[in-house]
Amino acid sequence: MKYISEETGGNSTEVYLTTQIEGTFIGHVGKDKVSIEHEGETLDYLVNGDVVGDVDKVENGDEIAFSFVKNGQGQLDLETLRLN
């Protein structure tokens, strides 16, 4: 989600807002992906060193809140993952 605000002098500033989504952690998929179920759909998300939260603590079946972005290749990059 992108929010654009006007500043003095006509310059605009972009602020990217992240919405936390509720889901269920299904499990790790290899070394660089996790599988998460949300609203009846299970998708795989890429995990890199920039993920904030509890990626190292989460276990299969845990209820979580997470956020992601779609990268230039159309893949889903996990941004945050927190245990509920």
C-alpha atoms as a PDB file:
ATOM      1  CA  MET A   1       0.000   0.000   0.000  1.00  0.00           C
ATOM      2  CA  LYS A   2       1.437   3.401  -0.923  1.00  0.00           C
ATOM      3  CA  TYR A   3       0.463   6.708   0.625  1.00  0.00           C
ATOM      4  CA  ILE A   4       1.546   9.913  -1.117  1.00  0.00           C
ATOM      5  CA  SER A   5       1.441  13.209   0.734  1.00  0.00           C
ATOM      6  CA  GLU A   6       2.174  16.730  -0.456  1.00  0.00           C
ATOM      7  CA  GLU A   7       4.854  18.741   1.300  1.00  0.00           C
ATOM      8  CA  THR A   8       5.521  22.464   1.274  1.00  0.00           C
ATOM      9  CA  GLY A   9       6.932  23.577  -2.051  1.00  0.00           C
ATOM     10  CA  GLY A  10       5.025  21.000  -4.095  1.00  0.00           C
ATOM     11  CA  ASN A  11       7.427  18.095  -3.450  1.00  0.00           C
ATOM     12  CA  SER A  12       5.709  14.806  -2.755  1.00  0.00           C
ATOM     13  CA  THR A  13       6.839  12.146  -0.328  1.00  0.00           C
ATOM     14  CA  GLU A  14       6.053   8.446  -0.665  1.00  0.00           C
ATOM     15  CA  VAL A  15       5.488   6.426   2.463  1.00  0.00           C
ATOM     16  CA  TYR A  16       4.964   2.678   2.131  1.00  0.00           C
ATOM     17  CA  LEU A  17       2.542   1.270   4.681  1.00  0.00           C
ATOM     18  CA  THR A  18       2.518  -2.391   5.614  1.00  0.00           C
ATOM     19  CA  THR A  19      -0.662  -4.223   6.506  1.00  0.00           C
ATOM     20  CA  GLN A  20      -0.313  -7.194   8.841  1.00  0.00           C
ATOM     21  CA  ILE A  21      -2.209 -10.275   7.634  1.00  0.00           C
ATOM     22  CA  GLU A  22      -3.356 -13.068   9.957  1.00  0.00           C
ATOM     23  CA  GLY A  23      -2.458 -16.601   8.908  1.00  0.00           C
ATOM     24  CA  THR A  24      -1.206 -20.039   9.891  1.00  0.00           C
ATOM     25  CA  PHE A  25       2.415 -21.045   9.448  1.00  0.00           C
ATOM     26  CA  ILE A  26       2.503 -24.301   7.462  1.00  0.00           C
ATOM     27  CA  GLY A  27       6.262 -24.866   7.348  1.00  0.00           C
ATOM     28  CA  HIS A  28       9.628 -24.206   5.769  1.00  0.00           C
ATOM     29  CA  VAL A  29      10.041 -24.964   2.055  1.00  0.00           C
ATOM     30  CA  GLY A  30      13.739 -25.513   1.491  1.00  0.00           C
ATOM     31  CA  LYS A  31      16.204 -22.946   2.791  1.00  0.00           C
ATOM     32  CA  ASP A  32      14.701 -19.754   1.402  1.00  0.00           C
ATOM     33  CA  LYS A  33      10.903 -20.104   1.497  1.00  0.00           C
ATOM     34  CA  VAL A  34       8.080 -20.583   3.973  1.00  0.00           C
ATOM     35  CA  SER A  35       4.535 -21.741   3.375  1.00  0.00           C
ATOM     36  CA  ILE A  36       1.666 -19.786   4.975  1.00  0.00           C
ATOM     37  CA  GLU A  37      -2.094 -20.370   4.857  1.00  0.00           C
ATOM     38  CA  HIS A  38      -4.340 -17.303   4.710  1.00  0.00           C
ATOM     39  CA  GLU A  39      -8.110 -17.350   4.067  1.00  0.00           C
ATOM     40  CA  GLY A  40      -8.051 -20.933   2.818  1.00  0.00           C
ATOM     41  CA  GLU A  41      -5.164 -20.434   0.383  1.00  0.00           C
ATOM     42  CA  THR A  42      -1.611 -21.671   0.995  1.00  0.00           C
ATOM     43  CA  LEU A  43       1.221 -19.738  -0.669  1.00  0.00           C
ATOM     44  CA  ASP A  44       5.016 -19.833  -0.515  1.00  0.00           C
ATOM     45  CA  TYR A  45       6.947 -16.673   0.436  1.00  0.00           C
ATOM     46  CA  LEU A  46      10.652 -15.963  -0.103  1.00  0.00           C
ATOM     47  CA  VAL A  47      12.698 -15.396   3.057  1.00  0.00           C
ATOM     48  CA  ASN A  48      15.824 -13.258   2.987  1.00  0.00           C
ATOM     49  CA  GLY A  49      17.982 -11.695   5.697  1.00  0.00           C
ATOM     50  CA  ASP A  50      15.767  -8.613   5.862  1.00  0.00           C
ATOM     51  CA  VAL A  51      12.684 -10.323   7.345  1.00  0.00           C
ATOM     52  CA  VAL A  52      11.688  -8.760  10.675  1.00  0.00           C
ATOM     53  CA  GLY A  53      10.205 -10.861  13.449  1.00  0.00           C
ATOM     54  CA  ASP A  54      10.005 -14.464  14.556  1.00  0.00           C
ATOM     55  CA  VAL A  55      11.049 -16.489  11.487  1.00  0.00           C
ATOM     56  CA  ASP A  56      13.559 -18.469  13.558  1.00  0.00           C
ATOM     57  CA  LYS A  57      11.030 -19.213  16.339  1.00  0.00           C
ATOM     58  CA  VAL A  58       7.885 -20.121  14.392  1.00  0.00           C
ATOM     59  CA  GLU A  59       6.711 -23.741  14.267  1.00  0.00           C
ATOM     60  CA  ASN A  60       4.281 -25.582  12.002  1.00  0.00           C
ATOM     61  CA  GLY A  61       0.690 -24.752  12.928  1.00  0.00           C
ATOM     62  CA  ASP A  62       1.496 -21.489  14.763  1.00  0.00           C
ATOM     63  CA  GLU A  63      -0.912 -18.587  14.294  1.00  0.00           C
ATOM     64  CA  ILE A  64       0.997 -15.595  12.899  1.00  0.00           C
ATOM     65  CA  ALA A  65       0.729 -12.056  11.575  1.00  0.00           C
ATOM     66  CA  PHE A  66       2.811 -11.330   8.471  1.00  0.00           C
ATOM     67  CA  SER A  67       3.385  -8.898   5.629  1.00  0.00           C
ATOM     68  CA  PHE A  68       4.893  -9.246   2.171  1.00  0.00           C
ATOM     69  CA  VAL A  69       5.589  -7.472  -1.118  1.00  0.00           C
ATOM     70  CA  LYS A  70       5.612  -8.786  -4.679  1.00  0.00           C
ATOM     71  CA  ASN A  71       9.087  -8.431  -6.200  1.00  0.00           C
ATOM     72  CA  GLY A  72      10.005  -7.623  -9.807  1.00  0.00           C
ATOM     73  CA  GLN A  73       9.901 -11.319 -10.757  1.00  0.00           C
ATOM     74  CA  GLY A  74       6.365 -11.697  -9.386  1.00  0.00           C
ATOM     75  CA  GLN A  75       7.508 -13.672  -6.332  1.00  0.00           C
ATOM     76  CA  LEU A  76       6.215 -12.917  -2.841  1.00  0.00           C
ATOM     77  CA  ASP A  77       8.931 -11.549  -0.511  1.00  0.00           C
ATOM     78  CA  LEU A  78       8.161 -11.919   3.185  1.00  0.00           C
ATOM     79  CA  GLU A  79       8.742  -8.616   5.056  1.00  0.00           C
ATOM     80  CA  THR A  80       7.579  -9.424   8.593  1.00  0.00           C
ATOM     81  CA  LEU A  81       6.434 -12.518  10.475  1.00  0.00           C
ATOM     82  CA  ARG A  82       5.331 -12.368  14.117  1.00  0.00           C
ATOM     83  CA  LEU A  83       3.850 -14.989  16.412  1.00  0.00           C
ATOM     84  CA  ASN A  84       0.356 -14.160  17.671  1.00  0.00           C
END
